[in-house]
Amino acid sequence: MNKFFLIAIALIFSMVSVGAQEWQTDFEKAKEIAAKESKPIILVFQGSDWCAPCIKLDREVWSTETFKTYAAAHYVMLQADFPRKKKNALPDQQSKANAKLFETYNKNGFFPFVVVLNAKGEVLGEASYKKTTPEKYITTLNSFIK
C-alpha cells in the first residue's frame, strides 16, 4: 500500500514538472538550448522586488498555467532580475551577467522589458507590461517570430 502511494505521488509530481517552464539565468546556456530545440529566447528584464508592473506581469502572464504550459513547449525563458532589497541580492557573478545583458539589450532602462531573441541573440522584437490575457501576450510574442 505504501509503495503504491509513493509511486502515485511520484507520477503526479513528474506530470506537473513536464508542463512547467524553466527559467534560465545563463545567456549562453539559453542560446544553446534555443539552437538545439529551434526555439526563440524570451529575455525578461525585471525588478522582482520593487517594480510594480514587473510583479503584475509575473502574476498575470508568466505565472499562469496557460503561459507556463505554452512557454515550456515553444520558448526558452531567460530572466535578468535586478532586485533592490538586500535579502534578495543575487550572487555577484549573476549580477554582472545581468548587467551585461542590460547594456546590450535594454539601453533605455525599461522595466519590465521583454526582448524576443533568436538562438544567435539577435533581436526579433520587444514588449513590456500591458494589461492583457496570457493568450494575447503569447500572440504578441509570437508576432515577432518569423
N, C-alpha and C. Protein backbone atom coordinates (compact mmCIF):
# COMPACT_ATOMS: atom_id res chain seq x y z
N MET A 1 0.83 -1.20 0.00
CA MET A 1 0.00 0.00 0.00
C MET A 1 0.87 1.26 0.00
N ASN A 2 1.91 1.29 0.84
CA ASN A 2 2.78 2.46 0.88
C ASN A 2 3.53 2.66 -0.43
N LYS A 3 3.98 1.55 -1.05
CA LYS A 3 4.70 1.65 -2.32
C LYS A 3 3.78 2.24 -3.40
N PHE A 4 2.55 1.80 -3.43
CA PHE A 4 1.60 2.31 -4.42
C PHE A 4 1.39 3.81 -4.23
N PHE A 5 1.23 4.22 -2.98
CA PHE A 5 1.04 5.63 -2.66
C PHE A 5 2.23 6.46 -3.11
N LEU A 6 3.45 6.00 -2.82
CA LEU A 6 4.66 6.73 -3.20
C LEU A 6 4.81 6.80 -4.72
N ILE A 7 4.49 5.72 -5.41
CA ILE A 7 4.56 5.72 -6.87
C ILE A 7 3.54 6.70 -7.45
N ALA A 8 2.35 6.71 -6.90
CA ALA A 8 1.32 7.64 -7.38
C ALA A 8 1.75 9.10 -7.18
N ILE A 9 2.31 9.41 -6.03
CA ILE A 9 2.80 10.77 -5.75
C ILE A 9 3.92 11.14 -6.72
N ALA A 10 4.85 10.22 -6.95
CA ALA A 10 5.96 10.47 -7.87
C ALA A 10 5.45 10.75 -9.28
N LEU A 11 4.46 9.99 -9.73
CA LEU A 11 3.89 10.20 -11.07
C LEU A 11 3.21 11.56 -11.17
N ILE A 12 2.50 11.95 -10.16
CA ILE A 12 1.82 13.26 -10.17
C ILE A 12 2.85 14.38 -10.27
N PHE A 13 3.92 14.30 -9.45
CA PHE A 13 4.94 15.34 -9.50
C PHE A 13 5.67 15.37 -10.84
N SER A 14 5.90 14.22 -11.44
CA SER A 14 6.59 14.20 -12.73
C SER A 14 5.70 14.79 -13.82
N MET A 15 4.39 14.58 -13.75
CA MET A 15 3.49 15.16 -14.75
C MET A 15 3.41 16.66 -14.59
N VAL A 16 3.41 17.15 -13.37
CA VAL A 16 3.36 18.59 -13.12
C VAL A 16 4.63 19.26 -13.63
N SER A 17 5.78 18.66 -13.41
CA SER A 17 7.03 19.29 -13.82
C SER A 17 7.24 19.29 -15.33
N VAL A 18 6.58 18.37 -16.05
CA VAL A 18 6.71 18.33 -17.50
C VAL A 18 6.15 19.60 -18.13
N GLY A 19 5.03 20.10 -17.62
CA GLY A 19 4.40 21.28 -18.17
C GLY A 19 4.93 22.59 -17.64
N ALA A 20 5.85 22.55 -16.72
CA ALA A 20 6.35 23.78 -16.11
C ALA A 20 7.48 24.38 -16.93
N GLN A 21 7.43 25.69 -17.07
CA GLN A 21 8.52 26.36 -17.78
C GLN A 21 9.73 26.43 -16.86
N GLU A 22 10.87 26.46 -17.46
CA GLU A 22 12.10 26.56 -16.69
C GLU A 22 12.78 27.87 -17.05
N TRP A 23 13.01 28.72 -16.06
CA TRP A 23 13.69 30.00 -16.29
C TRP A 23 15.19 29.78 -16.30
N GLN A 24 15.82 30.20 -17.37
CA GLN A 24 17.28 30.19 -17.46
C GLN A 24 17.80 31.51 -16.91
N THR A 25 19.02 31.49 -16.42
CA THR A 25 19.67 32.73 -15.98
C THR A 25 21.02 32.90 -16.66
N ASP A 26 21.42 31.91 -17.44
CA ASP A 26 22.71 31.94 -18.15
C ASP A 26 22.42 32.12 -19.64
N PHE A 27 22.86 33.25 -20.19
CA PHE A 27 22.57 33.59 -21.58
C PHE A 27 23.15 32.57 -22.56
N GLU A 28 24.37 32.13 -22.33
CA GLU A 28 24.99 31.16 -23.23
C GLU A 28 24.24 29.83 -23.23
N LYS A 29 23.82 29.40 -22.05
CA LYS A 29 23.03 28.17 -21.96
C LYS A 29 21.69 28.33 -22.67
N ALA A 30 21.07 29.49 -22.50
CA ALA A 30 19.79 29.76 -23.16
C ALA A 30 19.95 29.70 -24.69
N LYS A 31 21.03 30.29 -25.21
CA LYS A 31 21.28 30.24 -26.66
C LYS A 31 21.52 28.81 -27.13
N GLU A 32 22.23 28.05 -26.32
CA GLU A 32 22.48 26.63 -26.64
C GLU A 32 21.17 25.85 -26.75
N ILE A 33 20.32 26.01 -25.76
CA ILE A 33 19.02 25.33 -25.75
C ILE A 33 18.17 25.78 -26.93
N ALA A 34 18.15 27.09 -27.17
CA ALA A 34 17.36 27.64 -28.27
C ALA A 34 17.81 27.06 -29.62
N ALA A 35 19.11 26.95 -29.81
CA ALA A 35 19.63 26.40 -31.06
C ALA A 35 19.28 24.92 -31.19
N LYS A 36 19.46 24.19 -30.11
CA LYS A 36 19.20 22.75 -30.11
C LYS A 36 17.73 22.43 -30.35
N GLU A 37 16.84 23.24 -29.73
CA GLU A 37 15.41 22.96 -29.78
C GLU A 37 14.66 23.83 -30.80
N SER A 38 15.38 24.67 -31.54
CA SER A 38 14.78 25.58 -32.53
C SER A 38 13.66 26.42 -31.92
N LYS A 39 13.99 27.08 -30.81
CA LYS A 39 13.02 27.92 -30.12
C LYS A 39 13.60 29.34 -29.98
N PRO A 40 12.73 30.34 -29.93
CA PRO A 40 13.20 31.69 -29.62
C PRO A 40 13.45 31.83 -28.12
N ILE A 41 14.24 32.82 -27.77
CA ILE A 41 14.51 33.15 -26.37
C ILE A 41 13.63 34.33 -25.99
N ILE A 42 12.97 34.22 -24.86
CA ILE A 42 12.21 35.34 -24.31
C ILE A 42 13.01 35.86 -23.12
N LEU A 43 13.69 36.99 -23.32
CA LEU A 43 14.54 37.61 -22.30
C LEU A 43 13.71 38.63 -21.54
N VAL A 44 13.59 38.43 -20.23
CA VAL A 44 12.75 39.28 -19.39
C VAL A 44 13.63 40.06 -18.40
N PHE A 45 13.61 41.38 -18.53
CA PHE A 45 14.27 42.26 -17.55
C PHE A 45 13.22 42.65 -16.52
N GLN A 46 13.53 42.34 -15.26
CA GLN A 46 12.56 42.65 -14.22
C GLN A 46 13.24 43.08 -12.93
N GLY A 47 12.48 43.80 -12.15
CA GLY A 47 12.88 44.15 -10.79
C GLY A 47 11.87 43.44 -9.89
N SER A 48 12.18 42.21 -9.53
CA SER A 48 11.21 41.33 -8.88
C SER A 48 10.72 41.80 -7.52
N ASP A 49 11.47 42.66 -6.86
CA ASP A 49 11.04 43.07 -5.52
C ASP A 49 10.74 44.57 -5.40
N TRP A 50 10.68 45.29 -6.51
CA TRP A 50 10.41 46.72 -6.44
C TRP A 50 9.57 47.27 -7.59
N CYS A 51 9.53 46.57 -8.71
CA CYS A 51 8.86 47.08 -9.91
C CYS A 51 7.42 46.55 -9.97
N ALA A 52 6.45 47.42 -9.69
CA ALA A 52 5.05 47.01 -9.67
C ALA A 52 4.58 46.41 -11.00
N PRO A 53 4.89 47.02 -12.16
CA PRO A 53 4.47 46.39 -13.41
C PRO A 53 5.15 45.04 -13.65
N CYS A 54 6.38 44.87 -13.16
CA CYS A 54 7.07 43.57 -13.30
C CYS A 54 6.34 42.50 -12.50
N ILE A 55 5.94 42.86 -11.31
CA ILE A 55 5.22 41.93 -10.44
C ILE A 55 3.86 41.58 -11.05
N LYS A 56 3.19 42.58 -11.63
CA LYS A 56 1.91 42.33 -12.30
C LYS A 56 2.09 41.42 -13.51
N LEU A 57 3.13 41.66 -14.31
CA LEU A 57 3.39 40.82 -15.48
C LEU A 57 3.65 39.38 -15.06
N ASP A 58 4.38 39.21 -13.98
CA ASP A 58 4.63 37.87 -13.48
C ASP A 58 3.33 37.20 -13.06
N ARG A 59 2.53 37.91 -12.29
CA ARG A 59 1.28 37.34 -11.77
C ARG A 59 0.26 37.11 -12.88
N GLU A 60 0.14 38.04 -13.83
CA GLU A 60 -0.91 37.98 -14.84
C GLU A 60 -0.54 37.16 -16.07
N VAL A 61 0.77 36.97 -16.31
CA VAL A 61 1.19 36.23 -17.50
C VAL A 61 2.13 35.09 -17.15
N TRP A 62 3.36 35.41 -16.73
CA TRP A 62 4.40 34.38 -16.56
C TRP A 62 3.96 33.25 -15.64
N SER A 63 3.26 33.54 -14.56
CA SER A 63 2.92 32.51 -13.57
C SER A 63 1.62 31.77 -13.86
N THR A 64 0.94 32.11 -14.93
CA THR A 64 -0.31 31.41 -15.23
C THR A 64 -0.01 30.05 -15.84
N GLU A 65 -0.90 29.11 -15.62
CA GLU A 65 -0.73 27.77 -16.18
C GLU A 65 -0.75 27.83 -17.71
N THR A 66 -1.59 28.69 -18.26
CA THR A 66 -1.67 28.82 -19.72
C THR A 66 -0.32 29.20 -20.30
N PHE A 67 0.31 30.23 -19.71
CA PHE A 67 1.59 30.67 -20.26
C PHE A 67 2.69 29.65 -19.97
N LYS A 68 2.74 29.12 -18.76
CA LYS A 68 3.80 28.17 -18.42
C LYS A 68 3.78 26.96 -19.33
N THR A 69 2.59 26.44 -19.61
CA THR A 69 2.47 25.27 -20.48
C THR A 69 2.92 25.60 -21.90
N TYR A 70 2.46 26.74 -22.42
CA TYR A 70 2.84 27.14 -23.77
C TYR A 70 4.34 27.41 -23.86
N ALA A 71 4.86 28.13 -22.90
CA ALA A 71 6.28 28.50 -22.91
C ALA A 71 7.19 27.28 -22.85
N ALA A 72 6.81 26.30 -22.07
CA ALA A 72 7.63 25.09 -21.94
C ALA A 72 7.82 24.41 -23.30
N ALA A 73 6.83 24.49 -24.14
CA ALA A 73 6.89 23.83 -25.45
C ALA A 73 7.43 24.72 -26.56
N HIS A 74 7.39 26.06 -26.39
CA HIS A 74 7.69 26.95 -27.50
C HIS A 74 8.80 27.97 -27.28
N TYR A 75 9.20 28.22 -26.06
CA TYR A 75 10.19 29.27 -25.78
C TYR A 75 11.31 28.76 -24.87
N VAL A 76 12.41 29.49 -24.90
CA VAL A 76 13.44 29.37 -23.88
C VAL A 76 13.31 30.66 -23.07
N MET A 77 12.94 30.53 -21.82
CA MET A 77 12.71 31.70 -20.96
C MET A 77 14.01 32.07 -20.24
N LEU A 78 14.42 33.33 -20.39
CA LEU A 78 15.65 33.83 -19.78
C LEU A 78 15.32 35.03 -18.92
N GLN A 79 15.71 34.96 -17.67
CA GLN A 79 15.39 36.01 -16.71
C GLN A 79 16.63 36.81 -16.34
N ALA A 80 16.50 38.13 -16.42
CA ALA A 80 17.54 39.04 -15.94
C ALA A 80 16.89 39.90 -14.86
N ASP A 81 17.08 39.49 -13.62
CA ASP A 81 16.43 40.15 -12.49
C ASP A 81 17.37 41.18 -11.88
N PHE A 82 16.77 42.27 -11.39
CA PHE A 82 17.52 43.34 -10.75
C PHE A 82 16.85 43.71 -9.43
N PRO A 83 16.92 42.80 -8.45
CA PRO A 83 16.29 43.10 -7.16
C PRO A 83 17.05 44.21 -6.43
N ARG A 84 16.34 44.95 -5.59
CA ARG A 84 16.96 46.03 -4.82
C ARG A 84 17.14 45.69 -3.35
N LYS A 85 16.27 44.84 -2.82
CA LYS A 85 16.35 44.51 -1.40
C LYS A 85 17.54 43.60 -1.15
N LYS A 86 18.25 43.89 -0.07
CA LYS A 86 19.46 43.14 0.26
C LYS A 86 19.19 41.64 0.42
N LYS A 87 18.04 41.31 1.00
CA LYS A 87 17.72 39.89 1.22
C LYS A 87 17.51 39.14 -0.09
N ASN A 88 17.24 39.85 -1.18
CA ASN A 88 17.02 39.22 -2.49
C ASN A 88 18.21 39.37 -3.43
N ALA A 89 19.32 39.86 -2.89
CA ALA A 89 20.50 40.11 -3.72
C ALA A 89 20.96 38.84 -4.44
N LEU A 90 21.35 39.01 -5.69
CA LEU A 90 21.85 37.90 -6.49
C LEU A 90 23.33 37.71 -6.24
N PRO A 91 23.85 36.53 -6.52
CA PRO A 91 25.31 36.35 -6.44
C PRO A 91 26.00 37.33 -7.39
N ASP A 92 27.19 37.74 -7.03
CA ASP A 92 27.93 38.75 -7.79
C ASP A 92 28.06 38.38 -9.27
N GLN A 93 28.35 37.13 -9.54
CA GLN A 93 28.52 36.67 -10.92
C GLN A 93 27.22 36.84 -11.72
N GLN A 94 26.08 36.53 -11.10
CA GLN A 94 24.79 36.69 -11.78
C GLN A 94 24.47 38.16 -12.00
N SER A 95 24.77 39.01 -11.01
CA SER A 95 24.54 40.45 -11.15
C SER A 95 25.33 41.01 -12.32
N LYS A 96 26.58 40.57 -12.45
CA LYS A 96 27.42 41.04 -13.56
C LYS A 96 26.89 40.55 -14.90
N ALA A 97 26.45 39.30 -14.97
CA ALA A 97 25.89 38.74 -16.21
C ALA A 97 24.62 39.50 -16.60
N ASN A 98 23.77 39.80 -15.61
CA ASN A 98 22.54 40.55 -15.89
C ASN A 98 22.86 41.97 -16.36
N ALA A 99 23.88 42.58 -15.75
CA ALA A 99 24.28 43.94 -16.16
C ALA A 99 24.76 43.95 -17.61
N LYS A 100 25.47 42.91 -18.00
CA LYS A 100 25.95 42.82 -19.38
C LYS A 100 24.77 42.69 -20.35
N LEU A 101 23.78 41.87 -20.00
CA LEU A 101 22.58 41.76 -20.82
C LEU A 101 21.85 43.10 -20.90
N PHE A 102 21.80 43.80 -19.78
CA PHE A 102 21.14 45.10 -19.69
C PHE A 102 21.81 46.09 -20.65
N GLU A 103 23.14 46.14 -20.63
CA GLU A 103 23.89 47.06 -21.50
C GLU A 103 23.64 46.74 -22.98
N THR A 104 23.49 45.47 -23.29
CA THR A 104 23.31 45.05 -24.68
C THR A 104 21.88 45.21 -25.17
N TYR A 105 20.91 44.81 -24.35
CA TYR A 105 19.53 44.70 -24.83
C TYR A 105 18.53 45.68 -24.22
N ASN A 106 18.91 46.40 -23.17
CA ASN A 106 17.95 47.29 -22.50
C ASN A 106 18.59 48.65 -22.28
N LYS A 107 19.06 49.26 -23.35
CA LYS A 107 19.78 50.54 -23.27
C LYS A 107 18.94 51.68 -22.69
N ASN A 108 17.62 51.60 -22.83
CA ASN A 108 16.75 52.66 -22.30
C ASN A 108 16.37 52.43 -20.84
N GLY A 109 16.71 51.29 -20.29
CA GLY A 109 16.48 51.02 -18.88
C GLY A 109 15.03 50.81 -18.49
N PHE A 110 14.24 50.24 -19.37
CA PHE A 110 12.82 50.00 -19.06
C PHE A 110 12.65 48.75 -18.20
N PHE A 111 11.65 48.80 -17.32
CA PHE A 111 11.24 47.65 -16.51
C PHE A 111 9.73 47.61 -16.45
N PRO A 112 9.12 46.49 -16.66
CA PRO A 112 9.71 45.29 -17.23
C PRO A 112 9.98 45.53 -18.72
N PHE A 113 10.90 44.77 -19.24
CA PHE A 113 11.24 44.86 -20.65
C PHE A 113 11.45 43.44 -21.14
N VAL A 114 10.76 43.09 -22.22
CA VAL A 114 10.78 41.74 -22.75
C VAL A 114 11.36 41.80 -24.16
N VAL A 115 12.41 41.04 -24.38
CA VAL A 115 13.07 41.02 -25.68
C VAL A 115 12.98 39.60 -26.24
N VAL A 116 12.48 39.49 -27.46
CA VAL A 116 12.41 38.20 -28.13
C VAL A 116 13.65 38.10 -29.01
N LEU A 117 14.42 37.03 -28.79
CA LEU A 117 15.69 36.83 -29.49
C LEU A 117 15.68 35.51 -30.25
N ASN A 118 16.50 35.44 -31.28
CA ASN A 118 16.72 34.14 -31.91
C ASN A 118 17.87 33.45 -31.19
N ALA A 119 18.23 32.27 -31.62
CA ALA A 119 19.26 31.47 -30.94
C ALA A 119 20.65 32.12 -31.02
N LYS A 120 20.83 33.06 -31.94
CA LYS A 120 22.11 33.76 -32.05
C LYS A 120 22.16 35.01 -31.17
N GLY A 121 21.04 35.34 -30.54
CA GLY A 121 20.99 36.53 -29.69
C GLY A 121 20.58 37.78 -30.45
N GLU A 122 20.05 37.61 -31.65
CA GLU A 122 19.60 38.76 -32.44
C GLU A 122 18.17 39.11 -32.06
N VAL A 123 17.89 40.40 -31.93
CA VAL A 123 16.57 40.87 -31.50
C VAL A 123 15.54 40.69 -32.61
N LEU A 124 14.44 40.04 -32.24
CA LEU A 124 13.32 39.84 -33.15
C LEU A 124 12.17 40.81 -32.84
N GLY A 125 12.08 41.21 -31.57
CA GLY A 125 11.01 42.12 -31.16
C GLY A 125 11.10 42.45 -29.69
N GLU A 126 10.32 43.44 -29.28
CA GLU A 126 10.34 43.91 -27.89
C GLU A 126 8.91 44.14 -27.40
N ALA A 127 8.72 43.92 -26.11
CA ALA A 127 7.42 44.15 -25.48
C ALA A 127 7.66 44.62 -24.05
N SER A 128 6.57 44.91 -23.37
CA SER A 128 6.65 45.33 -21.98
C SER A 128 5.38 44.86 -21.29
N TYR A 129 5.05 45.50 -20.18
CA TYR A 129 3.82 45.15 -19.48
C TYR A 129 2.64 45.81 -20.16
N LYS A 130 1.59 45.06 -20.31
CA LYS A 130 0.30 45.62 -20.67
C LYS A 130 -0.76 44.72 -20.07
N LYS A 131 -1.84 45.31 -19.65
CA LYS A 131 -2.94 44.57 -19.04
C LYS A 131 -3.61 43.75 -20.14
N THR A 132 -3.39 42.45 -20.11
CA THR A 132 -3.92 41.57 -21.14
C THR A 132 -4.00 40.14 -20.61
N THR A 133 -4.47 39.27 -21.44
CA THR A 133 -4.55 37.86 -21.07
C THR A 133 -3.25 37.15 -21.46
N PRO A 134 -2.97 36.01 -20.85
CA PRO A 134 -1.79 35.24 -21.27
C PRO A 134 -1.85 34.87 -22.75
N GLU A 135 -3.02 34.53 -23.23
CA GLU A 135 -3.18 34.15 -24.64
C GLU A 135 -2.81 35.31 -25.57
N LYS A 136 -3.26 36.51 -25.23
CA LYS A 136 -2.95 37.67 -26.07
C LYS A 136 -1.47 38.04 -25.97
N TYR A 137 -0.88 37.83 -24.79
CA TYR A 137 0.55 38.11 -24.64
C TYR A 137 1.36 37.13 -25.50
N ILE A 138 0.94 35.89 -25.52
CA ILE A 138 1.59 34.88 -26.36
C ILE A 138 1.50 35.30 -27.83
N THR A 139 0.34 35.79 -28.24
CA THR A 139 0.15 36.25 -29.62
C THR A 139 1.12 37.40 -29.93
N THR A 140 1.27 38.33 -28.98
CA THR A 140 2.21 39.44 -29.16
C THR A 140 3.63 38.91 -29.33
N LEU A 141 4.07 38.02 -28.46
CA LEU A 141 5.41 37.47 -28.54
C LEU A 141 5.61 36.72 -29.86
N ASN A 142 4.62 35.94 -30.24
CA ASN A 142 4.72 35.15 -31.47
C ASN A 142 4.74 36.03 -32.73
N SER A 143 4.19 37.23 -32.64
CA SER A 143 4.16 38.11 -33.82
C SER A 143 5.57 38.54 -34.23
N PHE A 144 6.55 38.43 -33.32
CA PHE A 144 7.93 38.80 -33.63
C PHE A 144 8.72 37.66 -34.27
N ILE A 145 8.20 36.45 -34.14
CA ILE A 145 8.92 35.27 -34.59
C ILE A 145 8.57 34.96 -36.03
N LYS A 146 9.57 34.88 -36.86
CA LYS A 146 9.33 34.65 -38.29
C LYS A 146 9.44 33.17 -38.62
